[in-house]
């Protein structure tokens, strides 16, 4: 695999990780300001942001669809394989962020 792909792979992981951590913590500040339970809000926001973190990490849905199309229709299976690895990297970032948030708030996030 080329050096550029490895960098993109790492970026996908940390972008998804950052979307979940940042979104959940910053989003829970609104609950704190209104007198609601912030830990409950962190849990709910983190659960709701999962798919959006993956989409943000892979650069939007149209790029992913174009790469899948190129992989399937043009016979470029390596591009298809790289796109699947990027999605898996983003999913790993989401899972790592959910585990970290679960540790911080001492609750299971499913």
N, C-alpha and C. Protein backbone atom coordinates (compact mmCIF):
# COMPACT_ATOMS: atom_id res chain seq x y z
N UNK A 1 0.84 -1.18 0.00
CA UNK A 1 0.00 0.00 0.00
C UNK A 1 0.88 1.23 0.00
N UNK A 2 0.38 2.26 -0.59
CA UNK A 2 1.19 3.46 -0.72
C UNK A 2 1.15 4.31 0.53
N UNK A 3 2.11 5.19 0.65
CA UNK A 3 2.25 6.02 1.84
C UNK A 3 1.05 6.94 2.03
N UNK A 4 0.50 7.45 0.96
CA UNK A 4 -0.66 8.35 1.05
C UNK A 4 -1.87 7.63 1.64
N UNK A 5 -2.06 6.39 1.29
CA UNK A 5 -3.19 5.63 1.82
C UNK A 5 -3.05 5.41 3.31
N UNK A 6 -1.85 5.13 3.78
CA UNK A 6 -1.63 4.91 5.22
C UNK A 6 -1.98 6.18 5.99
N UNK A 7 -1.59 7.33 5.47
CA UNK A 7 -1.92 8.60 6.12
C UNK A 7 -3.43 8.81 6.12
N UNK A 8 -4.09 8.51 5.03
CA UNK A 8 -5.53 8.66 4.94
C UNK A 8 -6.24 7.69 5.90
N UNK A 9 -5.70 6.50 6.03
CA UNK A 9 -6.24 5.49 6.95
C UNK A 9 -6.21 6.00 8.39
N UNK A 10 -5.08 6.57 8.79
CA UNK A 10 -4.92 7.11 10.14
C UNK A 10 -5.82 8.32 10.34
N UNK A 11 -5.91 9.18 9.33
CA UNK A 11 -6.77 10.35 9.43
C UNK A 11 -8.23 9.96 9.61
N UNK A 12 -8.69 8.96 8.90
CA UNK A 12 -10.08 8.51 9.03
C UNK A 12 -10.38 8.07 10.45
N UNK A 13 -9.46 7.32 11.04
CA UNK A 13 -9.65 6.87 12.42
C UNK A 13 -9.82 8.05 13.36
N UNK A 14 -8.90 9.00 13.29
CA UNK A 14 -8.91 10.10 14.25
C UNK A 14 -9.99 11.14 13.96
N UNK A 15 -10.41 11.30 12.73
CA UNK A 15 -11.52 12.20 12.43
C UNK A 15 -12.80 11.64 13.04
N UNK A 16 -13.05 10.35 12.85
CA UNK A 16 -14.24 9.74 13.44
C UNK A 16 -14.18 9.80 14.96
N UNK A 17 -13.02 9.53 15.52
CA UNK A 17 -12.81 9.61 16.97
C UNK A 17 -13.13 11.02 17.48
N UNK A 18 -12.61 12.02 16.78
CA UNK A 18 -12.81 13.41 17.19
C UNK A 18 -14.25 13.88 17.06
N UNK A 19 -14.94 13.42 16.03
CA UNK A 19 -16.34 13.81 15.87
C UNK A 19 -17.17 13.30 17.04
N UNK A 20 -16.94 12.06 17.44
CA UNK A 20 -17.71 11.50 18.55
C UNK A 20 -17.34 12.18 19.87
N UNK A 21 -16.06 12.29 20.18
CA UNK A 21 -15.64 12.89 21.45
C UNK A 21 -16.06 14.36 21.51
N UNK A 22 -15.72 15.11 20.49
CA UNK A 22 -16.04 16.54 20.49
C UNK A 22 -17.53 16.81 20.47
N UNK A 23 -18.24 16.09 19.61
CA UNK A 23 -19.68 16.31 19.51
C UNK A 23 -20.41 15.96 20.80
N UNK A 24 -20.02 14.86 21.42
CA UNK A 24 -20.70 14.44 22.64
C UNK A 24 -20.41 15.38 23.81
N UNK A 25 -19.17 15.78 23.96
CA UNK A 25 -18.81 16.64 25.10
C UNK A 25 -19.33 18.06 24.90
N UNK A 26 -19.13 18.62 23.73
CA UNK A 26 -19.63 19.97 23.47
C UNK A 26 -21.16 19.98 23.46
N UNK A 27 -21.76 18.96 22.89
CA UNK A 27 -23.22 18.88 22.85
C UNK A 27 -23.83 18.76 24.23
N UNK A 28 -23.15 18.11 25.15
CA UNK A 28 -23.70 17.95 26.50
C UNK A 28 -23.64 19.24 27.30
N UNK A 29 -22.88 20.21 26.84
CA UNK A 29 -22.84 21.49 27.55
C UNK A 29 -24.20 22.18 27.51
N UNK A 30 -24.94 21.95 26.45
CA UNK A 30 -26.30 22.50 26.38
C UNK A 30 -27.20 21.87 27.42
N UNK A 31 -27.05 20.59 27.66
CA UNK A 31 -27.84 19.93 28.70
C UNK A 31 -27.46 20.45 30.08
N UNK A 32 -26.18 20.65 30.29
CA UNK A 32 -25.72 21.19 31.56
C UNK A 32 -26.28 22.59 31.78
N UNK A 33 -26.29 23.42 30.71
CA UNK A 33 -26.77 24.80 30.81
C UNK A 33 -28.27 24.85 31.10
N UNK A 34 -29.01 23.86 30.63
CA UNK A 34 -30.46 23.85 30.85
C UNK A 34 -30.87 23.06 32.09
N UNK A 35 -29.93 22.51 32.81
CA UNK A 35 -30.23 21.80 34.04
C UNK A 35 -30.52 20.32 33.87
N UNK A 36 -30.30 19.79 32.68
CA UNK A 36 -30.49 18.35 32.45
C UNK A 36 -29.22 17.60 32.83
N UNK A 37 -29.30 16.28 32.81
CA UNK A 37 -28.16 15.44 33.16
C UNK A 37 -27.15 15.40 32.01
N UNK A 38 -25.94 15.92 32.22
CA UNK A 38 -24.98 15.95 31.11
C UNK A 38 -24.45 14.58 30.72
N UNK A 39 -24.29 13.66 31.66
CA UNK A 39 -23.78 12.33 31.31
C UNK A 39 -24.78 11.56 30.46
N UNK A 40 -26.06 11.73 30.76
CA UNK A 40 -27.09 11.10 29.93
C UNK A 40 -27.07 11.69 28.53
N UNK A 41 -26.86 13.00 28.44
CA UNK A 41 -26.78 13.65 27.13
C UNK A 41 -25.55 13.19 26.36
N UNK A 42 -24.42 13.04 27.04
CA UNK A 42 -23.20 12.55 26.37
C UNK A 42 -23.46 11.18 25.76
N UNK A 43 -24.10 10.32 26.54
CA UNK A 43 -24.39 8.96 26.07
C UNK A 43 -25.31 9.00 24.85
N UNK A 44 -26.37 9.78 24.91
CA UNK A 44 -27.33 9.85 23.80
C UNK A 44 -26.72 10.49 22.56
N UNK A 45 -25.98 11.56 22.73
CA UNK A 45 -25.37 12.24 21.58
C UNK A 45 -24.34 11.35 20.92
N UNK A 46 -23.52 10.69 21.72
CA UNK A 46 -22.50 9.79 21.15
C UNK A 46 -23.16 8.68 20.34
N UNK A 47 -24.26 8.15 20.84
CA UNK A 47 -24.97 7.09 20.12
C UNK A 47 -25.55 7.62 18.80
N UNK A 48 -26.06 8.86 18.82
CA UNK A 48 -26.67 9.44 17.62
C UNK A 48 -25.64 9.87 16.58
N UNK A 49 -24.42 10.15 16.99
CA UNK A 49 -23.40 10.65 16.06
C UNK A 49 -22.62 9.55 15.34
N UNK A 50 -22.85 8.30 15.64
CA UNK A 50 -22.02 7.23 15.10
C UNK A 50 -21.94 7.24 13.58
N UNK A 51 -23.06 7.23 12.89
CA UNK A 51 -23.03 7.15 11.42
C UNK A 51 -22.47 8.43 10.82
N UNK A 52 -22.75 9.57 11.46
CA UNK A 52 -22.25 10.84 10.94
C UNK A 52 -20.74 10.95 11.09
N UNK A 53 -20.20 10.37 12.11
CA UNK A 53 -18.74 10.37 12.29
C UNK A 53 -18.08 9.56 11.18
N UNK A 54 -18.67 8.44 10.81
CA UNK A 54 -18.11 7.61 9.74
C UNK A 54 -18.19 8.35 8.41
N UNK A 55 -19.33 8.99 8.14
CA UNK A 55 -19.50 9.74 6.89
C UNK A 55 -18.52 10.90 6.83
N UNK A 56 -18.34 11.62 7.93
CA UNK A 56 -17.39 12.73 7.96
C UNK A 56 -15.96 12.25 7.76
N UNK A 57 -15.64 11.11 8.33
CA UNK A 57 -14.26 10.60 8.24
C UNK A 57 -13.90 10.15 6.84
N UNK A 58 -14.83 9.56 6.12
CA UNK A 58 -14.48 9.08 4.77
C UNK A 58 -14.66 10.16 3.72
N UNK A 59 -15.05 11.36 4.13
CA UNK A 59 -15.10 12.48 3.21
C UNK A 59 -16.43 12.66 2.52
N UNK A 60 -17.49 12.17 3.06
CA UNK A 60 -18.80 12.32 2.45
C UNK A 60 -19.20 11.07 1.70
N UNK A 61 -20.47 10.98 1.42
CA UNK A 61 -20.99 9.76 0.80
C UNK A 61 -20.71 9.67 -0.69
N UNK A 62 -20.60 10.78 -1.39
CA UNK A 62 -20.43 10.73 -2.83
C UNK A 62 -19.07 10.19 -3.23
N UNK A 63 -18.03 10.53 -2.48
CA UNK A 63 -16.71 9.98 -2.76
C UNK A 63 -16.68 8.47 -2.55
N UNK A 64 -17.32 8.03 -1.49
CA UNK A 64 -17.35 6.59 -1.22
C UNK A 64 -18.11 5.85 -2.30
N UNK A 65 -19.23 6.40 -2.74
CA UNK A 65 -20.01 5.76 -3.81
C UNK A 65 -19.23 5.75 -5.11
N UNK A 66 -18.53 6.83 -5.41
CA UNK A 66 -17.72 6.88 -6.64
C UNK A 66 -16.60 5.85 -6.60
N UNK A 67 -15.99 5.67 -5.44
CA UNK A 67 -14.92 4.67 -5.33
C UNK A 67 -15.47 3.25 -5.42
N UNK A 68 -16.65 3.01 -4.84
CA UNK A 68 -17.28 1.70 -4.99
C UNK A 68 -17.63 1.44 -6.45
N UNK A 69 -18.14 2.46 -7.13
CA UNK A 69 -18.49 2.31 -8.54
C UNK A 69 -17.25 2.00 -9.37
N UNK A 70 -16.17 2.71 -9.10
CA UNK A 70 -14.93 2.46 -9.83
C UNK A 70 -14.42 1.05 -9.56
N UNK A 71 -14.58 0.61 -8.32
CA UNK A 71 -14.10 -0.73 -7.95
C UNK A 71 -14.93 -1.83 -8.58
N UNK A 72 -16.23 -1.64 -8.66
CA UNK A 72 -17.10 -2.69 -9.18
C UNK A 72 -17.21 -2.65 -10.70
N UNK A 73 -17.50 -1.46 -11.24
CA UNK A 73 -17.76 -1.37 -12.68
C UNK A 73 -16.49 -1.35 -13.53
N UNK A 74 -15.44 -0.74 -13.02
CA UNK A 74 -14.20 -0.64 -13.80
C UNK A 74 -13.24 -1.79 -13.50
N UNK A 75 -13.61 -2.64 -12.59
CA UNK A 75 -12.77 -3.79 -12.27
C UNK A 75 -11.55 -3.46 -11.43
N UNK A 76 -11.56 -2.31 -10.80
CA UNK A 76 -10.44 -1.90 -9.95
C UNK A 76 -10.71 -2.36 -8.52
N UNK A 77 -10.42 -3.61 -8.24
CA UNK A 77 -10.74 -4.16 -6.92
C UNK A 77 -9.85 -3.58 -5.83
N UNK A 78 -8.67 -3.09 -6.19
CA UNK A 78 -7.80 -2.50 -5.18
C UNK A 78 -8.42 -1.23 -4.61
N UNK A 79 -9.06 -0.40 -5.47
CA UNK A 79 -9.75 0.80 -4.98
C UNK A 79 -10.91 0.44 -4.08
N UNK A 80 -11.62 -0.61 -4.42
CA UNK A 80 -12.73 -1.08 -3.60
C UNK A 80 -12.21 -1.56 -2.24
N UNK A 81 -11.12 -2.29 -2.24
CA UNK A 81 -10.50 -2.78 -1.00
C UNK A 81 -10.04 -1.63 -0.12
N UNK A 82 -9.44 -0.59 -0.73
CA UNK A 82 -8.97 0.57 0.02
C UNK A 82 -10.15 1.31 0.65
N UNK A 83 -11.25 1.44 -0.08
CA UNK A 83 -12.41 2.13 0.46
C UNK A 83 -13.01 1.37 1.63
N UNK A 84 -13.06 0.06 1.54
CA UNK A 84 -13.56 -0.75 2.65
C UNK A 84 -12.66 -0.60 3.87
N UNK A 85 -11.35 -0.57 3.66
CA UNK A 85 -10.43 -0.37 4.78
C UNK A 85 -10.60 1.00 5.43
N UNK A 86 -10.88 2.04 4.63
CA UNK A 86 -11.11 3.36 5.19
C UNK A 86 -12.38 3.39 6.04
N UNK A 87 -13.42 2.71 5.57
CA UNK A 87 -14.66 2.65 6.34
C UNK A 87 -14.43 1.89 7.64
N UNK A 88 -13.68 0.80 7.58
CA UNK A 88 -13.37 0.05 8.80
C UNK A 88 -12.53 0.87 9.77
N UNK A 89 -11.63 1.67 9.25
CA UNK A 89 -10.83 2.54 10.10
C UNK A 89 -11.71 3.56 10.82
N UNK A 90 -12.66 4.14 10.08
CA UNK A 90 -13.58 5.10 10.70
C UNK A 90 -14.45 4.42 11.75
N UNK A 91 -14.88 3.20 11.46
CA UNK A 91 -15.69 2.46 12.44
C UNK A 91 -14.86 2.16 13.69
N UNK A 92 -13.58 1.88 13.51
CA UNK A 92 -12.69 1.67 14.66
C UNK A 92 -12.54 2.93 15.49
N UNK A 93 -12.46 4.08 14.84
CA UNK A 93 -12.39 5.35 15.56
C UNK A 93 -13.64 5.63 16.36
N UNK A 94 -14.79 5.30 15.78
CA UNK A 94 -16.06 5.48 16.49
C UNK A 94 -16.11 4.56 17.70
N UNK A 95 -15.73 3.31 17.53
CA UNK A 95 -15.77 2.35 18.64
C UNK A 95 -14.81 2.76 19.75
N UNK A 96 -13.62 3.22 19.38
CA UNK A 96 -12.65 3.66 20.39
C UNK A 96 -13.18 4.86 21.17
N UNK A 97 -13.83 5.78 20.48
CA UNK A 97 -14.40 6.94 21.16
C UNK A 97 -15.54 6.53 22.09
N UNK A 98 -16.37 5.59 21.65
CA UNK A 98 -17.47 5.13 22.50
C UNK A 98 -16.95 4.41 23.75
N UNK A 99 -15.89 3.65 23.58
CA UNK A 99 -15.29 2.98 24.74
C UNK A 99 -14.72 4.01 25.71
N UNK A 100 -14.04 5.02 25.20
CA UNK A 100 -13.48 6.06 26.06
C UNK A 100 -14.59 6.83 26.78
N UNK A 101 -15.64 7.18 26.08
CA UNK A 101 -16.75 7.89 26.72
C UNK A 101 -17.41 6.99 27.76
N UNK A 102 -17.56 5.72 27.44
CA UNK A 102 -18.12 4.78 28.41
C UNK A 102 -17.29 4.71 29.68
N UNK A 103 -15.98 4.74 29.53
CA UNK A 103 -15.09 4.74 30.70
C UNK A 103 -15.27 6.03 31.51
N UNK A 104 -15.39 7.14 30.80
CA UNK A 104 -15.49 8.44 31.49
C UNK A 104 -16.80 8.60 32.25
N UNK A 105 -17.90 8.16 31.66
CA UNK A 105 -19.19 8.36 32.32
C UNK A 105 -19.62 7.13 33.12
N UNK A 106 -18.82 6.07 33.08
CA UNK A 106 -19.08 4.85 33.84
C UNK A 106 -20.42 4.20 33.47
N UNK A 107 -20.74 4.23 32.18
CA UNK A 107 -21.95 3.59 31.68
C UNK A 107 -21.62 2.86 30.39
N UNK A 108 -22.42 1.88 30.07
CA UNK A 108 -22.28 1.13 28.82
C UNK A 108 -22.97 1.90 27.70
N UNK A 109 -22.26 2.14 26.62
CA UNK A 109 -22.85 2.79 25.45
C UNK A 109 -22.96 1.74 24.36
N UNK A 110 -24.16 1.42 23.97
CA UNK A 110 -24.37 0.36 22.99
C UNK A 110 -24.58 0.87 21.68
